[in-house]
Amino acid sequence: MNNNNNNNNNDGKKVLTKKERRRASNRRSAQKSRYRQLIFMEELGKREDALKKENTMLKEERAELEAQIRTLLDLRNANRLDASREDSSPQIIEPMVVQSHQPSVIAPDADADADGGGAAHQLGR
């Protein structure tokens, strides 16, 4: 029986204690964790860049749409202004011909037959 504390087996390889194996495992786990964190941060940076580009494009599109809205509102207001100017512009009012409500009597004359019935014919008589 070999009771020495040099932690070597018969092949000359060092035999690790439970505590040393745990430390080595923790180091490997920490290394993997740092690597995964690095990959995650790189992907996050790429996503940030893509979102910044998209945000810039959306801001430009928004500015274009707002410009179109302003143009359309200006056109609408201009059309309303033109319409109100047309309504408020002085109009030429032609005099109305006022007719009495009494029927007029047309006397038949000699030309009435010559012109195809004259006024009586035109009135439907």
C-alpha atoms as a PDB file:
ATOM      1  CA  MET A   1       0.000   0.000   0.000  1.00  0.00           C
ATOM      2  CA  ASN A   2       1.274   3.339  -1.004  1.00  0.00           C
ATOM      3  CA  ASN A   3       0.394   6.170   1.417  1.00  0.00           C
ATOM      4  CA  ASN A   4       2.541   8.945   0.014  1.00  0.00           C
ATOM      5  CA  ASN A   5       1.053  12.360  -0.753  1.00  0.00           C
ATOM      6  CA  ASN A   6       2.750  13.074  -4.058  1.00  0.00           C
ATOM      7  CA  ASN A   7      -0.505  12.393  -5.949  1.00  0.00           C
ATOM      8  CA  ASN A   8       1.160  10.348  -8.679  1.00  0.00           C
ATOM      9  CA  ASN A   9      -0.143   7.059  -9.934  1.00  0.00           C
ATOM     10  CA  ASN A  10       2.002   4.160 -11.086  1.00  0.00           C
ATOM     11  CA  ASP A  11       2.264   5.532 -14.663  1.00  0.00           C
ATOM     12  CA  GLY A  12       3.770   8.827 -13.504  1.00  0.00           C
ATOM     13  CA  LYS A  13       0.635  10.796 -14.197  1.00  0.00           C
ATOM     14  CA  LYS A  14      -0.530  13.209 -11.589  1.00  0.00           C
ATOM     15  CA  VAL A  15      -3.759  12.231  -9.872  1.00  0.00           C
ATOM     16  CA  LEU A  16      -5.927  15.251  -9.199  1.00  0.00           C
ATOM     17  CA  THR A  17      -7.849  15.661  -6.027  1.00  0.00           C
ATOM     18  CA  LYS A  18     -11.566  16.346  -6.113  1.00  0.00           C
ATOM     19  CA  LYS A  19     -10.903  20.008  -5.325  1.00  0.00           C
ATOM     20  CA  GLU A  20      -8.390  20.342  -8.194  1.00  0.00           C
ATOM     21  CA  ARG A  21     -10.756  18.625 -10.636  1.00  0.00           C
ATOM     22  CA  ARG A  22     -13.519  21.037  -9.613  1.00  0.00           C
ATOM     23  CA  ARG A  23     -11.199  24.062 -10.119  1.00  0.00           C
ATOM     24  CA  ALA A  24     -10.198  22.821 -13.584  1.00  0.00           C
ATOM     25  CA  SER A  25     -13.849  22.252 -14.493  1.00  0.00           C
ATOM     26  CA  ASN A  26     -14.757  25.750 -13.265  1.00  0.00           C
ATOM     27  CA  ARG A  27     -11.921  27.256 -15.363  1.00  0.00           C
ATOM     28  CA  ARG A  28     -13.207  25.471 -18.482  1.00  0.00           C
ATOM     29  CA  SER A  29     -16.775  26.576 -17.733  1.00  0.00           C
ATOM     30  CA  ALA A  30     -15.647  30.170 -17.203  1.00  0.00           C
ATOM     31  CA  GLN A  31     -13.680  30.069 -20.485  1.00  0.00           C
ATOM     32  CA  LYS A  32     -16.758  28.782 -22.359  1.00  0.00           C
ATOM     33  CA  SER A  33     -18.928  31.393 -20.690  1.00  0.00           C
ATOM     34  CA  ARG A  34     -16.563  34.214 -21.691  1.00  0.00           C
ATOM     35  CA  TYR A  35     -16.502  32.884 -25.269  1.00  0.00           C
ATOM     36  CA  ARG A  36     -20.324  32.698 -25.415  1.00  0.00           C
ATOM     37  CA  GLN A  37     -20.512  36.225 -23.971  1.00  0.00           C
ATOM     38  CA  LEU A  38     -18.097  37.452 -26.649  1.00  0.00           C
ATOM     39  CA  ILE A  39     -20.174  35.856 -29.431  1.00  0.00           C
ATOM     40  CA  PHE A  40     -23.353  37.301 -27.913  1.00  0.00           C
ATOM     41  CA  MET A  41     -21.876  40.801 -27.731  1.00  0.00           C
ATOM     42  CA  GLU A  42     -20.687  40.603 -31.362  1.00  0.00           C
ATOM     43  CA  GLU A  43     -24.162  39.525 -32.505  1.00  0.00           C
ATOM     44  CA  LEU A  44     -25.717  42.238 -30.375  1.00  0.00           C
ATOM     45  CA  GLY A  45     -23.420  44.818 -31.999  1.00  0.00           C
ATOM     46  CA  LYS A  46     -24.428  43.589 -35.465  1.00  0.00           C
ATOM     47  CA  ARG A  47     -28.095  43.795 -34.515  1.00  0.00           C
ATOM     48  CA  GLU A  48     -27.559  47.301 -33.139  1.00  0.00           C
ATOM     49  CA  ASP A  49     -25.984  48.400 -36.440  1.00  0.00           C
ATOM     50  CA  ALA A  50     -28.868  46.896 -38.437  1.00  0.00           C
ATOM     51  CA  LEU A  51     -31.450  48.592 -36.203  1.00  0.00           C
ATOM     52  CA  LYS A  52     -29.647  51.939 -36.495  1.00  0.00           C
ATOM     53  CA  LYS A  53     -29.733  51.640 -40.293  1.00  0.00           C
ATOM     54  CA  GLU A  54     -33.417  50.725 -40.218  1.00  0.00           C
ATOM     55  CA  ASN A  55     -34.124  53.628 -37.848  1.00  0.00           C
ATOM     56  CA  THR A  56     -32.334  56.046 -40.181  1.00  0.00           C
ATOM     57  CA  MET A  57     -34.322  54.774 -43.168  1.00  0.00           C
ATOM     58  CA  LEU A  58     -37.585  55.041 -41.247  1.00  0.00           C
ATOM     59  CA  LYS A  59     -36.776  58.597 -40.169  1.00  0.00           C
ATOM     60  CA  GLU A  60     -36.064  59.531 -43.792  1.00  0.00           C
ATOM     61  CA  GLU A  61     -39.308  57.902 -44.928  1.00  0.00           C
ATOM     62  CA  ARG A  62     -41.191  59.724 -42.177  1.00  0.00           C
ATOM     63  CA  ALA A  63     -39.689  63.052 -43.261  1.00  0.00           C
ATOM     64  CA  GLU A  64     -40.708  62.365 -46.872  1.00  0.00           C
ATOM     65  CA  LEU A  65     -44.256  61.468 -45.840  1.00  0.00           C
ATOM     66  CA  GLU A  66     -44.525  64.564 -43.653  1.00  0.00           C
ATOM     67  CA  ALA A  67     -43.360  66.672 -46.604  1.00  0.00           C
ATOM     68  CA  GLN A  68     -46.025  65.054 -48.789  1.00  0.00           C
ATOM     69  CA  ILE A  69     -48.655  65.758 -46.148  1.00  0.00           C
ATOM     70  CA  ARG A  70     -47.587  69.408 -45.946  1.00  0.00           C
ATOM     71  CA  THR A  71     -47.709  69.667 -49.760  1.00  0.00           C
ATOM     72  CA  LEU A  72     -51.183  68.137 -49.887  1.00  0.00           C
ATOM     73  CA  LEU A  73     -52.423  70.396 -47.091  1.00  0.00           C
ATOM     74  CA  ASP A  74     -50.979  73.425 -48.877  1.00  0.00           C
ATOM     75  CA  LEU A  75     -52.731  72.383 -52.089  1.00  0.00           C
ATOM     76  CA  ARG A  76     -56.000  71.838 -50.244  1.00  0.00           C
ATOM     77  CA  ASN A  77     -55.724  75.214 -48.546  1.00  0.00           C
ATOM     78  CA  ALA A  78     -54.840  76.889 -51.839  1.00  0.00           C
ATOM     79  CA  ASN A  79     -57.890  75.315 -53.487  1.00  0.00           C
ATOM     80  CA  ARG A  80     -60.089  76.480 -50.631  1.00  0.00           C
ATOM     81  CA  LEU A  81     -58.632  79.967 -50.922  1.00  0.00           C
ATOM     82  CA  ASP A  82     -59.228  80.000 -54.672  1.00  0.00           C
ATOM     83  CA  ALA A  83     -62.782  78.783 -54.166  1.00  0.00           C
ATOM     84  CA  SER A  84     -63.460  81.437 -51.554  1.00  0.00           C
ATOM     85  CA  ARG A  85     -62.010  84.103 -53.838  1.00  0.00           C
ATOM     86  CA  GLU A  86     -64.320  82.962 -56.614  1.00  0.00           C
ATOM     87  CA  ASP A  87     -67.286  83.111 -54.252  1.00  0.00           C
ATOM     88  CA  SER A  88     -66.391  86.544 -52.921  1.00  0.00           C
ATOM     89  CA  SER A  89     -65.408  88.089 -56.232  1.00  0.00           C
ATOM     90  CA  PRO A  90     -67.844  90.630 -57.579  1.00  0.00           C
ATOM     91  CA  GLN A  91     -70.215  88.985 -59.974  1.00  0.00           C
ATOM     92  CA  ILE A  92     -71.984  90.654 -62.819  1.00  0.00           C
ATOM     93  CA  ILE A  93     -75.651  90.477 -62.099  1.00  0.00           C
ATOM     94  CA  GLU A  94     -77.805  90.671 -65.163  1.00  0.00           C
ATOM     95  CA  PRO A  95     -81.078  92.442 -64.710  1.00  0.00           C
ATOM     96  CA  MET A  96     -84.052  90.178 -64.427  1.00  0.00           C
ATOM     97  CA  VAL A  97     -86.933  90.622 -66.773  1.00  0.00           C
ATOM     98  CA  VAL A  98     -89.988  91.065 -64.662  1.00  0.00           C
ATOM     99  CA  GLN A  99     -93.141  89.800 -66.205  1.00  0.00           C
ATOM    100  CA  SER A 100     -96.570  90.550 -64.939  1.00  0.00           C
ATOM    101  CA  HIS A 101     -98.821  87.741 -63.920  1.00  0.00           C
ATOM    102  CA  GLN A 102    -101.563  88.973 -66.176  1.00  0.00           C
ATOM    103  CA  PRO A 103    -101.773  87.182 -69.480  1.00  0.00           C
ATOM    104  CA  SER A 104    -101.022  89.370 -72.388  1.00  0.00           C
ATOM    105  CA  VAL A 105    -103.466  89.488 -75.203  1.00  0.00           C
ATOM    106  CA  ILE A 106    -101.965  89.445 -78.625  1.00  0.00           C
ATOM    107  CA  ALA A 107    -104.001  90.913 -81.354  1.00  0.00           C
ATOM    108  CA  PRO A 108    -103.876  89.025 -84.590  1.00  0.00           C
ATOM    109  CA  ASP A 109    -102.392  91.045 -87.346  1.00  0.00           C
ATOM    110  CA  ALA A 110    -102.123  90.574 -90.972  1.00  0.00           C
ATOM    111  CA  ASP A 111     -98.551  89.198 -90.813  1.00  0.00           C
ATOM    112  CA  ALA A 112     -99.556  86.493 -88.350  1.00  0.00           C
ATOM    113  CA  ASP A 113    -100.571  84.116 -91.091  1.00  0.00           C
ATOM    114  CA  ALA A 114     -97.536  85.003 -93.144  1.00  0.00           C
ATOM    115  CA  ASP A 115     -95.023  84.012 -90.457  1.00  0.00           C
ATOM    116  CA  GLY A 116     -96.566  80.637 -89.754  1.00  0.00           C
ATOM    117  CA  GLY A 117     -98.996  81.487 -87.073  1.00  0.00           C
ATOM    118  CA  GLY A 118     -97.252  84.382 -85.359  1.00  0.00           C
ATOM    119  CA  ALA A 119     -97.135  84.751 -81.624  1.00  0.00           C
ATOM    120  CA  ALA A 120    -100.306  82.767 -81.088  1.00  0.00           C
ATOM    121  CA  HIS A 121     -98.728  79.805 -82.813  1.00  0.00           C
ATOM    122  CA  GLN A 122     -95.570  80.130 -80.687  1.00  0.00           C
ATOM    123  CA  LEU A 123     -97.608  80.144 -77.483  1.00  0.00           C
ATOM    124  CA  GLY A 124     -99.227  76.890 -78.463  1.00  0.00           C
ATOM    125  CA  ARG A 125    -102.662  78.288 -79.288  1.00  0.00           C
END
